[in-house]
Amino acid sequence: MARPIVLSIGGSDPSGGAGIQGDLKTLHQHGVYGMAVPTLLTVQSTRGVCRSEVLSAELVAAQLDAVLEDLPPRVIKTGALGSAAIVRVVVARAGAAPLVVDPVLSATRGKSLLDAEGAEVLARDLVPRAALVTPNAPEAGALTGLPVTDVASARRAAVALLGRGAGAVLVKGGHLQGPLATDVLAIGADCIELTAQRLSTAAGHGTGCALASSIAARLALGATMLDAVRGAHAWLATALAGAPGLGTGRGPLDLFAPTDRPPR
């Protein structure tokens, strides 16, 4: 059986823990073949992002045309897209492959990675095409105009994004307060809460990228959306608990953490 292909479209992280580099490591660990199209370059480390350069939409389009013609992906995962023009390119070329949209608006420490026009186009044109959207609490608030400060408001934002046409919405609860980190999955008529004990750790760089990529890999391997999200949620907790302590800032996860995928 041919190995499933997943395409990651997003920013480049030279420190390797997030962005397309983190995505490729996660996809490989889950047993799928990963491809990557960069949309922007960053100057960053575990200490944060200090600079970013958005690539031209024409160059991103050319990269997508090249790989999509030759290596059709089973799932496409998007991260930081950088500009409204690049969001439009992704919308135009996504085709029929399910989209896992991680709507990255800024780096963890506040550096903007998508301007206001880009966020508007993403909400209007890309979210309705998505099989799954995975915003954190601030991103869910920005995309819906609803403040997200607790689980109840996360549920409202998830339902609002579902109403805009997304197949499913996972509002991540890492930014919310409390001893438990609770993600809210809106799927069909249900809102499902996925909880994990909040860890006291200096790690966490690339958490959102790894979660979305794990979900994308599981979908490509044939899991249902609910099973893919649940499996990725559990794997992320293991990867966070086993963080290797690299760097002097917010360190990366253990992207070598074992998955529950069956051996090939």
Protein backbone atom coordinates (compact mmCIF):
# COMPACT_ATOMS: atom_id res chain seq x y z
CA MET A 1 0.00 0.00 0.00
CA ALA A 2 1.32 3.43 -0.94
CA ARG A 3 2.39 5.56 1.98
CA PRO A 4 -0.08 8.45 2.54
CA ILE A 5 1.17 11.95 1.71
CA VAL A 6 0.46 15.04 3.83
CA LEU A 7 1.35 18.53 2.64
CA SER A 8 2.26 21.20 5.19
CA ILE A 9 1.97 24.85 4.11
CA GLY A 10 3.37 27.32 6.60
CA GLY A 11 6.25 29.28 8.06
CA SER A 12 9.85 28.14 8.44
CA ASP A 13 11.32 27.79 11.94
CA PRO A 14 15.11 27.50 11.76
CA SER A 15 15.21 26.15 15.33
CA GLY A 16 13.27 23.11 14.13
CA GLY A 17 10.57 22.84 16.77
CA ALA A 18 7.65 24.53 15.03
CA GLY A 19 6.50 25.56 11.56
CA ILE A 20 7.10 23.30 8.61
CA GLN A 21 10.18 21.77 10.25
CA GLY A 22 8.18 20.67 13.28
CA ASP A 23 5.37 19.51 10.99
CA LEU A 24 7.68 17.29 8.94
CA LYS A 25 9.13 15.68 12.08
CA THR A 26 5.64 15.00 13.41
CA LEU A 27 4.40 13.59 10.11
CA HIS A 28 7.42 11.30 9.82
CA GLN A 29 6.92 10.04 13.38
CA HIS A 30 3.33 9.16 12.52
CA GLY A 31 4.36 7.15 9.47
CA VAL A 32 3.20 9.39 6.64
CA TYR A 33 5.23 11.06 3.90
CA GLY A 34 5.46 14.79 4.53
CA MET A 35 5.88 17.57 1.97
CA ALA A 36 6.32 21.23 2.88
CA VAL A 37 5.76 24.55 1.12
CA PRO A 38 7.13 27.55 3.04
CA THR A 39 5.13 30.77 3.07
CA LEU A 40 7.41 32.90 5.22
CA LEU A 41 10.85 32.78 6.77
CA THR A 42 11.43 33.62 10.41
CA VAL A 43 14.42 34.52 12.53
CA GLN A 44 13.65 32.64 15.71
CA SER A 45 14.84 30.27 18.39
CA THR A 46 13.31 28.91 21.56
CA ARG A 47 13.57 32.49 22.86
CA GLY A 48 11.01 33.77 20.35
CA VAL A 49 10.57 35.29 16.89
CA CYS A 50 12.44 38.51 16.20
CA ARG A 51 11.89 38.86 12.44
CA SER A 52 9.85 37.41 9.60
CA GLU A 53 9.85 37.78 5.82
CA VAL A 54 6.75 36.77 3.84
CA LEU A 55 7.42 35.10 0.50
CA SER A 56 5.70 36.29 -2.66
CA ALA A 57 2.33 34.72 -3.38
CA GLU A 58 3.61 33.86 -6.88
CA LEU A 59 6.48 31.81 -5.44
CA VAL A 60 4.15 29.99 -3.04
CA ALA A 61 1.76 29.27 -5.93
CA ALA A 62 4.61 27.89 -8.04
CA GLN A 63 5.73 25.60 -5.22
CA LEU A 64 2.19 24.32 -4.75
CA ASP A 65 1.69 23.75 -8.47
CA ALA A 66 4.90 21.73 -8.63
CA VAL A 67 4.15 19.35 -5.76
CA LEU A 68 0.39 19.03 -6.23
CA GLU A 69 0.81 17.97 -9.86
CA ASP A 70 3.37 15.31 -9.01
CA LEU A 71 2.52 14.13 -5.49
CA PRO A 72 -1.19 14.52 -4.65
CA PRO A 73 -1.58 14.70 -0.86
CA ARG A 74 -4.24 12.85 1.06
CA VAL A 75 -4.50 15.72 3.57
CA ILE A 76 -3.26 19.34 3.55
CA LYS A 77 -2.30 21.11 6.77
CA THR A 78 -1.85 24.89 6.89
CA GLY A 79 -0.07 27.01 9.47
CA ALA A 80 1.24 30.58 9.23
CA LEU A 81 0.27 31.89 5.79
CA GLY A 82 1.69 35.39 6.02
CA SER A 83 -0.55 37.42 3.73
CA ALA A 84 -4.02 37.66 2.24
CA ALA A 85 -2.57 36.92 -1.19
CA ILE A 86 -1.10 33.63 0.03
CA VAL A 87 -4.37 32.67 1.73
CA ARG A 88 -6.10 33.20 -1.63
CA VAL A 89 -3.49 31.02 -3.36
CA VAL A 90 -4.13 28.20 -0.88
CA VAL A 91 -7.90 28.49 -1.31
CA ALA A 92 -7.54 28.35 -5.10
CA ARG A 93 -5.27 25.29 -5.09
CA ALA A 94 -6.51 23.21 -2.18
CA GLY A 95 -8.63 20.94 -4.36
CA ALA A 96 -10.54 18.07 -2.80
CA ALA A 97 -8.00 17.05 -0.15
CA PRO A 98 -9.24 17.60 3.41
CA LEU A 99 -7.77 20.75 4.98
CA VAL A 100 -6.56 20.94 8.58
CA VAL A 101 -6.28 24.69 9.15
CA ASP A 102 -4.17 25.89 12.07
CA PRO A 103 -4.99 29.62 11.81
CA VAL A 104 -1.67 31.03 13.04
CA LEU A 105 -2.08 34.78 13.46
CA SER A 106 0.99 35.50 15.60
CA ALA A 107 3.93 33.81 17.24
CA THR A 108 3.60 32.79 20.89
CA ARG A 109 5.40 35.94 22.02
CA GLY A 110 3.33 38.32 19.93
CA LYS A 111 5.11 38.72 16.57
CA SER A 112 2.38 39.04 13.90
CA LEU A 113 2.49 36.33 11.24
CA LEU A 114 -0.69 37.33 9.36
CA ASP A 115 -2.03 40.83 8.82
CA ALA A 116 -5.62 41.95 9.40
CA GLU A 117 -6.61 41.52 5.75
CA GLY A 118 -5.13 38.03 5.74
CA ALA A 119 -7.08 37.07 8.87
CA GLU A 120 -10.28 38.35 7.25
CA VAL A 121 -9.70 36.35 4.07
CA LEU A 122 -8.80 33.26 6.11
CA ALA A 123 -12.02 33.52 8.14
CA ARG A 124 -14.17 34.22 5.10
CA ASP A 125 -12.66 31.93 2.45
CA LEU A 126 -10.44 29.27 4.04
CA VAL A 127 -12.40 28.33 7.16
CA PRO A 128 -15.46 27.20 5.12
CA ARG A 129 -13.17 24.89 3.11
CA ALA A 130 -11.62 23.29 6.18
CA ALA A 131 -12.33 19.80 7.43
CA LEU A 132 -10.96 21.02 10.77
CA VAL A 133 -9.88 24.40 12.16
CA THR A 134 -7.62 24.39 15.25
CA PRO A 135 -7.41 27.91 16.76
CA ASN A 136 -6.08 28.63 20.21
CA ALA A 137 -8.21 30.86 22.45
CA PRO A 138 -6.86 34.23 21.17
CA GLU A 139 -7.15 33.07 17.55
CA ALA A 140 -10.70 31.83 18.08
CA GLY A 141 -11.56 35.21 19.57
CA ALA A 142 -9.98 37.12 16.69
CA LEU A 143 -11.71 35.01 14.04
CA THR A 144 -15.17 35.23 15.63
CA GLY A 145 -15.13 38.54 17.49
CA LEU A 146 -16.10 36.65 20.64
CA PRO A 147 -13.85 36.89 23.71
CA VAL A 148 -12.58 33.43 24.67
CA THR A 149 -11.64 33.33 28.34
CA ASP A 150 -13.00 30.02 29.62
CA VAL A 151 -14.43 26.71 28.44
CA ALA A 152 -17.95 28.09 28.01
CA SER A 153 -16.77 30.89 25.73
CA ALA A 154 -14.52 28.43 23.86
CA ARG A 155 -17.63 26.37 23.13
CA ARG A 156 -19.42 29.45 21.80
CA ALA A 157 -16.50 30.34 19.53
CA ALA A 158 -16.23 26.76 18.28
CA VAL A 159 -19.92 26.68 17.39
CA ALA A 160 -19.61 30.07 15.68
CA LEU A 161 -16.77 28.84 13.46
CA LEU A 162 -18.72 25.67 12.74
CA GLY A 163 -21.56 27.91 11.59
CA ARG A 164 -19.21 29.54 9.07
CA GLY A 165 -18.84 26.25 7.24
CA ALA A 166 -15.92 24.41 8.85
CA GLY A 167 -16.40 20.65 9.07
CA ALA A 168 -15.16 20.61 12.67
CA VAL A 169 -13.52 23.07 15.07
CA LEU A 170 -11.02 22.40 17.85
CA VAL A 171 -10.51 25.38 20.16
CA LYS A 172 -7.34 24.69 22.12
CA GLY A 173 -7.38 25.52 25.80
CA GLY A 174 -3.70 26.03 26.55
CA HIS A 175 -4.17 29.79 27.01
CA LEU A 176 -7.05 29.37 29.46
CA GLN A 177 -6.50 29.34 33.21
CA GLY A 178 -6.90 26.41 35.59
CA PRO A 179 -5.23 23.13 36.59
CA LEU A 180 -6.70 21.35 33.56
CA ALA A 181 -6.06 22.25 29.93
CA THR A 182 -9.38 21.73 28.15
CA ASP A 183 -9.77 21.67 24.37
CA VAL A 184 -13.25 21.97 22.91
CA LEU A 185 -14.13 20.01 19.76
CA ALA A 186 -17.27 21.07 17.92
CA ILE A 187 -18.27 18.37 15.47
CA GLY A 188 -21.75 17.85 14.09
CA ALA A 189 -24.22 18.70 16.83
CA ASP A 190 -21.77 17.87 19.61
CA CYS A 191 -19.25 19.84 21.66
CA ILE A 192 -16.75 17.44 23.20
CA GLU A 193 -14.29 18.48 25.91
CA LEU A 194 -10.83 16.92 25.88
CA THR A 195 -8.92 17.54 29.11
CA ALA A 196 -5.35 16.99 30.22
CA GLN A 197 -3.50 17.84 33.40
CA ARG A 198 -1.67 21.12 32.91
CA LEU A 199 2.07 20.52 33.15
CA SER A 200 4.55 22.85 34.79
CA THR A 201 7.18 22.96 32.05
CA ALA A 202 9.38 25.39 30.15
CA ALA A 203 8.60 23.49 26.96
CA GLY A 204 5.77 24.09 24.53
CA HIS A 205 7.42 25.51 21.41
CA GLY A 206 5.50 24.22 18.40
CA THR A 207 2.63 22.70 20.36
CA GLY A 208 -0.09 23.90 17.96
CA CYS A 209 1.88 22.81 14.90
CA ALA A 210 2.48 19.34 16.32
CA LEU A 211 -1.16 18.85 17.32
CA ALA A 212 -2.53 19.85 13.90
CA SER A 213 0.08 17.76 12.10
CA SER A 214 -0.67 14.73 14.25
CA ILE A 215 -4.36 15.09 13.41
CA ALA A 216 -3.56 15.47 9.70
CA ALA A 217 -1.38 12.35 9.74
CA ARG A 218 -4.05 10.31 11.49
CA LEU A 219 -6.69 11.44 8.99
CA ALA A 220 -4.37 10.48 6.14
CA LEU A 221 -3.99 7.03 7.71
CA GLY A 222 -7.77 6.57 7.72
CA ALA A 223 -8.90 7.64 11.19
CA THR A 224 -12.23 9.36 11.70
CA MET A 225 -12.08 13.01 12.69
CA LEU A 226 -13.04 12.24 16.29
CA ASP A 227 -10.48 9.45 16.63
CA ALA A 228 -7.79 11.58 14.95
CA VAL A 229 -8.36 14.46 17.36
CA ARG A 230 -8.49 12.23 20.43
CA GLY A 231 -5.37 10.33 19.40
CA ALA A 232 -3.44 13.51 18.64
CA HIS A 233 -4.53 15.07 21.93
CA ALA A 234 -3.17 12.08 23.86
CA TRP A 235 0.05 11.98 21.82
CA LEU A 236 0.66 15.68 22.42
CA ALA A 237 0.41 15.21 26.19
CA THR A 238 3.07 12.50 25.97
CA ALA A 239 5.29 14.65 23.74
CA LEU A 240 4.98 17.60 26.11
CA ALA A 241 5.70 15.49 29.20
CA GLY A 242 8.82 14.07 27.53
CA ALA A 243 10.20 17.40 26.29
CA PRO A 244 13.99 17.07 25.94
CA GLY A 245 14.90 20.38 27.56
CA LEU A 246 16.60 21.90 24.53
CA GLY A 247 17.29 25.62 24.21
CA THR A 248 17.27 28.41 26.76
CA GLY A 249 13.71 29.60 26.12
CA ARG A 250 10.41 27.84 25.48
CA GLY A 251 11.78 24.49 24.39
CA PRO A 252 10.47 22.01 21.82
CA LEU A 253 8.35 18.93 22.46
CA ASP A 254 9.56 15.36 22.26
CA LEU A 255 8.74 14.87 18.59
CA PHE A 256 10.12 11.33 18.91
CA ALA A 257 7.29 10.42 21.30
CA PRO A 258 5.76 7.06 20.35
CA THR A 259 2.44 7.06 18.58
CA ASP A 260 -0.36 4.52 18.74
CA ARG A 261 -0.25 3.83 15.00
CA PRO A 262 -0.01 0.17 14.03
CA PRO A 263 3.33 -1.03 12.59
CA ARG A 264 3.54 -1.11 8.79
